[in-house]
């Protein structure tokens, strides 16, 4: 007879880009189970909901609560359905709000500097900074000259490259890469201290206030309208 999997208080299904911050908040707590999905899902957001749903369905009988470590992410999580327990979703359009400390903190920072391109240590570790994207993704598809032109066109309206220091990683090597990107694309390099520690603690342990999180009852489905004020 097969033993039933041990139950956990909270299961977190998140993008790998925030693994360092979530694990720092969790501190090895066995009551918190974590599942990380490849950041590359952001390239094909139409596949994101299905991959997240696979994990939710797999752990449906073992967790008291499931929390997503995703924002709306270009509608990538639209269609995700809560299982037998409540599903909690951060009220963020993308993960920058996580790293800055809240959805409002992101809006405040962005409106103070609209031409900002944000990077975090996790994005750089996953080689999702612009220069790495050119090398890993664009050059194999387009060749170097077209790849460089395309990325510069994408970023031509950005004036600042903003590194969000979350305190979860050694920032120095990440800082060097951030500055290199800023210089290459003609942006001013800025570094800000993200207030992510408190937000990731909330993500892992709660509380989940209504102005920062959406709570779905069993069977409810994530919709775009949930993120529209």
Protein backbone atom coordinates (compact mmCIF):
# COMPACT_ATOMS: atom_id res chain seq x y z
CA UNK A 1 0.00 0.00 0.00
CA UNK A 2 1.45 3.35 -1.06
CA UNK A 3 1.88 5.94 1.67
CA UNK A 4 -0.03 9.18 1.26
CA UNK A 5 2.28 12.18 0.62
CA UNK A 6 2.75 14.36 3.71
CA UNK A 7 0.55 17.44 3.76
CA UNK A 8 2.06 20.92 3.84
CA UNK A 9 0.58 24.20 5.00
CA UNK A 10 1.47 26.19 1.88
CA UNK A 11 2.70 25.22 -1.58
CA UNK A 12 4.27 27.97 -3.68
CA UNK A 13 4.38 27.69 -7.46
CA UNK A 14 6.73 30.38 -8.73
CA UNK A 15 9.00 31.55 -11.51
CA UNK A 16 12.59 30.48 -10.93
CA UNK A 17 13.64 34.12 -11.26
CA UNK A 18 12.62 34.67 -7.61
CA UNK A 19 13.94 31.44 -6.12
CA UNK A 20 16.65 33.14 -4.05
CA UNK A 21 14.18 35.57 -2.46
CA UNK A 22 11.54 32.93 -1.72
CA UNK A 23 14.04 30.48 -0.25
CA UNK A 24 15.51 33.25 1.89
CA UNK A 25 12.03 33.94 3.29
CA UNK A 26 11.20 30.25 3.72
CA UNK A 27 14.45 29.37 5.50
CA UNK A 28 14.03 25.64 4.95
CA UNK A 29 10.59 25.49 6.62
CA UNK A 30 9.24 22.00 5.85
CA UNK A 31 5.65 23.28 6.11
CA UNK A 32 6.30 25.36 2.98
CA UNK A 33 6.76 23.47 -0.28
CA UNK A 34 8.19 25.24 -3.32
CA UNK A 35 7.94 24.49 -7.04
CA UNK A 36 9.87 26.58 -9.55
CA UNK A 37 9.10 26.80 -13.26
CA UNK A 38 11.47 27.88 -16.01
CA UNK A 39 11.64 31.62 -16.66
CA UNK A 40 11.53 30.84 -20.40
CA UNK A 41 7.75 30.45 -20.05
CA UNK A 42 7.60 34.24 -20.29
CA UNK A 43 8.69 33.95 -23.92
CA UNK A 44 5.57 31.89 -24.64
CA UNK A 45 2.99 33.18 -22.13
CA UNK A 46 0.27 31.13 -23.87
CA UNK A 47 1.89 28.03 -22.34
CA UNK A 48 2.31 29.46 -18.84
CA UNK A 49 -1.17 28.75 -17.44
CA UNK A 50 -1.04 25.12 -18.58
CA UNK A 51 2.34 24.50 -16.93
CA UNK A 52 1.22 26.14 -13.69
CA UNK A 53 -2.01 24.14 -13.75
CA UNK A 54 -0.07 20.89 -14.09
CA UNK A 55 1.74 21.63 -10.82
CA UNK A 56 -1.45 22.73 -9.03
CA UNK A 57 -3.24 19.54 -10.08
CA UNK A 58 -0.30 17.42 -8.99
CA UNK A 59 -0.13 18.86 -5.46
CA UNK A 60 -3.86 19.40 -5.04
CA UNK A 61 -4.27 16.77 -2.32
CA UNK A 62 -1.23 17.70 -0.22
CA UNK A 63 -1.42 21.46 0.40
CA UNK A 64 -3.76 23.50 2.58
CA UNK A 65 -3.11 26.60 0.46
CA UNK A 66 -1.44 27.30 -2.89
CA UNK A 67 0.28 30.61 -3.61
CA UNK A 68 1.48 31.74 -7.03
CA UNK A 69 4.82 33.46 -7.42
CA UNK A 70 3.60 35.13 -10.60
CA UNK A 71 1.94 38.37 -11.53
CA UNK A 72 -0.43 38.69 -14.47
CA UNK A 73 2.65 38.31 -16.72
CA UNK A 74 1.21 39.36 -20.09
CA UNK A 75 -1.97 37.40 -19.27
CA UNK A 76 0.14 34.27 -18.87
CA UNK A 77 -1.72 33.15 -15.73
CA UNK A 78 -5.21 33.84 -17.09
CA UNK A 79 -7.15 30.58 -17.00
CA UNK A 80 -5.34 29.05 -14.01
CA UNK A 81 -7.94 27.32 -11.85
CA UNK A 82 -7.87 26.94 -8.07
CA UNK A 83 -7.99 23.31 -6.94
CA UNK A 84 -9.44 21.93 -3.72
CA UNK A 85 -8.01 24.75 -1.65
CA UNK A 86 -7.76 28.52 -1.95
CA UNK A 87 -5.36 29.95 -4.50
CA UNK A 88 -3.59 33.20 -3.67
CA UNK A 89 -2.21 35.40 -6.44
CA UNK A 90 -0.17 38.60 -6.02
CA UNK A 91 -2.00 41.62 -7.43
CA UNK A 92 0.96 42.57 -9.65
CA UNK A 93 1.15 42.92 -13.41
CA UNK A 94 4.70 41.54 -13.43
CA UNK A 95 7.35 40.44 -10.97
CA UNK A 96 9.04 43.85 -10.60
CA UNK A 97 6.37 44.70 -8.03
CA UNK A 98 7.55 41.71 -5.98
CA UNK A 99 11.13 42.91 -5.95
CA UNK A 100 10.28 46.53 -5.20
CA UNK A 101 8.10 45.48 -2.28
CA UNK A 102 4.51 45.92 -3.47
CA UNK A 103 2.40 46.67 -6.55
CA UNK A 104 2.14 50.30 -5.42
CA UNK A 105 5.90 50.61 -4.93
CA UNK A 106 6.40 49.58 -8.53
CA UNK A 107 3.84 52.11 -9.80
CA UNK A 108 5.40 54.88 -7.72
CA UNK A 109 8.92 54.14 -8.93
CA UNK A 110 7.90 53.74 -12.56
CA UNK A 111 5.94 57.00 -12.62
CA UNK A 112 8.88 58.84 -11.08
CA UNK A 113 11.12 57.56 -13.90
CA UNK A 114 9.02 56.30 -16.85
CA UNK A 115 11.99 55.29 -19.03
CA UNK A 116 13.21 52.62 -16.63
CA UNK A 117 14.32 49.14 -17.62
CA UNK A 118 14.47 46.99 -14.47
CA UNK A 119 16.87 44.17 -13.73
CA UNK A 120 17.22 41.97 -10.64
CA UNK A 121 20.01 39.58 -9.63
CA UNK A 122 17.68 36.71 -10.50
CA UNK A 123 17.13 37.99 -14.04
CA UNK A 124 20.89 38.30 -14.53
CA UNK A 125 21.57 34.86 -13.02
CA UNK A 126 19.11 33.42 -15.55
CA UNK A 127 20.89 35.38 -18.35
CA UNK A 128 17.84 37.51 -19.08
CA UNK A 129 19.69 40.82 -19.23
CA UNK A 130 19.67 42.44 -22.71
CA UNK A 131 23.25 41.53 -23.66
CA UNK A 132 22.75 37.88 -22.68
CA UNK A 133 19.48 37.76 -24.60
CA UNK A 134 21.34 38.95 -27.68
CA UNK A 135 23.98 36.24 -27.29
CA UNK A 136 21.72 33.36 -26.29
CA UNK A 137 18.54 34.03 -28.23
CA UNK A 138 18.80 36.66 -30.93
CA UNK A 139 22.17 35.84 -32.55
CA UNK A 140 21.33 32.14 -33.16
CA UNK A 141 18.11 33.22 -34.88
CA UNK A 142 19.09 36.41 -36.70
CA UNK A 143 22.87 36.73 -36.83
CA UNK A 144 24.87 39.28 -34.83
CA UNK A 145 24.21 42.45 -36.84
CA UNK A 146 20.43 42.05 -36.95
CA UNK A 147 20.35 40.80 -33.34
CA UNK A 148 22.12 43.90 -32.02
CA UNK A 149 19.97 46.22 -34.14
CA UNK A 150 16.74 44.54 -32.97
CA UNK A 151 17.59 44.77 -29.28
CA UNK A 152 18.68 48.40 -29.58
CA UNK A 153 15.40 49.18 -31.32
CA UNK A 154 13.48 47.48 -28.50
CA UNK A 155 15.29 49.54 -25.86
CA UNK A 156 15.65 52.87 -27.65
CA UNK A 157 13.04 54.62 -25.49
CA UNK A 158 14.57 53.53 -22.17
CA UNK A 159 16.72 56.09 -20.38
CA UNK A 160 17.68 54.25 -17.18
CA UNK A 161 18.74 50.73 -16.35
CA UNK A 162 17.59 50.16 -12.77
CA UNK A 163 19.14 47.33 -10.77
CA UNK A 164 16.91 46.25 -7.90
CA UNK A 165 19.10 44.99 -5.07
CA UNK A 166 16.97 42.52 -3.10
CA UNK A 167 19.73 41.54 -0.69
CA UNK A 168 19.30 37.83 -1.46
CA UNK A 169 22.37 37.46 -3.70
CA UNK A 170 25.92 38.75 -3.94
CA UNK A 171 25.24 41.96 -5.82
CA UNK A 172 28.78 42.80 -6.95
CA UNK A 173 29.05 40.51 -10.01
CA UNK A 174 25.47 41.39 -10.93
CA UNK A 175 26.26 45.09 -10.61
CA UNK A 176 29.13 44.74 -13.09
CA UNK A 177 26.83 43.09 -15.66
CA UNK A 178 24.16 45.73 -15.09
CA UNK A 179 26.61 48.56 -15.69
CA UNK A 180 27.91 46.87 -18.82
CA UNK A 181 24.36 46.65 -20.19
CA UNK A 182 23.63 50.27 -19.34
CA UNK A 183 26.78 51.51 -21.07
CA UNK A 184 26.18 49.40 -24.17
CA UNK A 185 22.62 50.64 -24.66
CA UNK A 186 23.28 54.25 -23.67
CA UNK A 187 21.26 54.19 -20.44
CA UNK A 188 22.08 55.67 -17.07
CA UNK A 189 22.76 52.99 -14.46
CA UNK A 190 20.86 53.26 -11.19
CA UNK A 191 20.69 50.90 -8.24
CA UNK A 192 17.84 50.89 -5.75
CA UNK A 193 17.22 48.89 -2.62
CA UNK A 194 14.15 46.76 -3.14
CA UNK A 195 11.81 46.28 -0.18
CA UNK A 196 11.26 42.70 -1.27
CA UNK A 197 12.09 40.98 2.02
CA UNK A 198 8.74 41.92 3.55
CA UNK A 199 6.79 41.17 0.38
CA UNK A 200 8.33 37.71 -0.01
CA UNK A 201 7.64 36.99 3.65
CA UNK A 202 3.99 37.80 2.95
CA UNK A 203 4.08 35.59 -0.13
CA UNK A 204 5.32 32.67 1.96
CA UNK A 205 3.50 33.19 5.27
CA UNK A 206 0.87 35.87 4.76
CA UNK A 207 -1.05 37.90 5.67
CA UNK A 208 -2.54 38.43 2.21
CA UNK A 209 -4.20 41.88 2.22
CA UNK A 210 -6.77 42.56 -0.50
CA UNK A 211 -4.83 45.50 -1.95
CA UNK A 212 -1.84 43.25 -2.66
CA UNK A 213 -3.26 39.77 -3.24
CA UNK A 214 -6.22 38.07 -4.92
CA UNK A 215 -7.82 35.14 -3.09
CA UNK A 216 -9.58 32.55 -5.23
CA UNK A 217 -11.93 29.97 -3.79
CA UNK A 218 -11.76 26.33 -4.93
CA UNK A 219 -12.75 26.07 -8.58
CA UNK A 220 -12.36 29.81 -9.32
CA UNK A 221 -10.38 30.83 -12.40
CA UNK A 222 -7.89 33.69 -12.79
CA UNK A 223 -9.15 36.40 -15.15
CA UNK A 224 -7.60 39.59 -16.48
CA UNK A 225 -10.37 41.67 -14.90
CA UNK A 226 -9.11 40.73 -11.45
CA UNK A 227 -6.08 42.95 -12.09
CA UNK A 228 -8.02 45.95 -13.37
CA UNK A 229 -8.94 48.56 -10.78
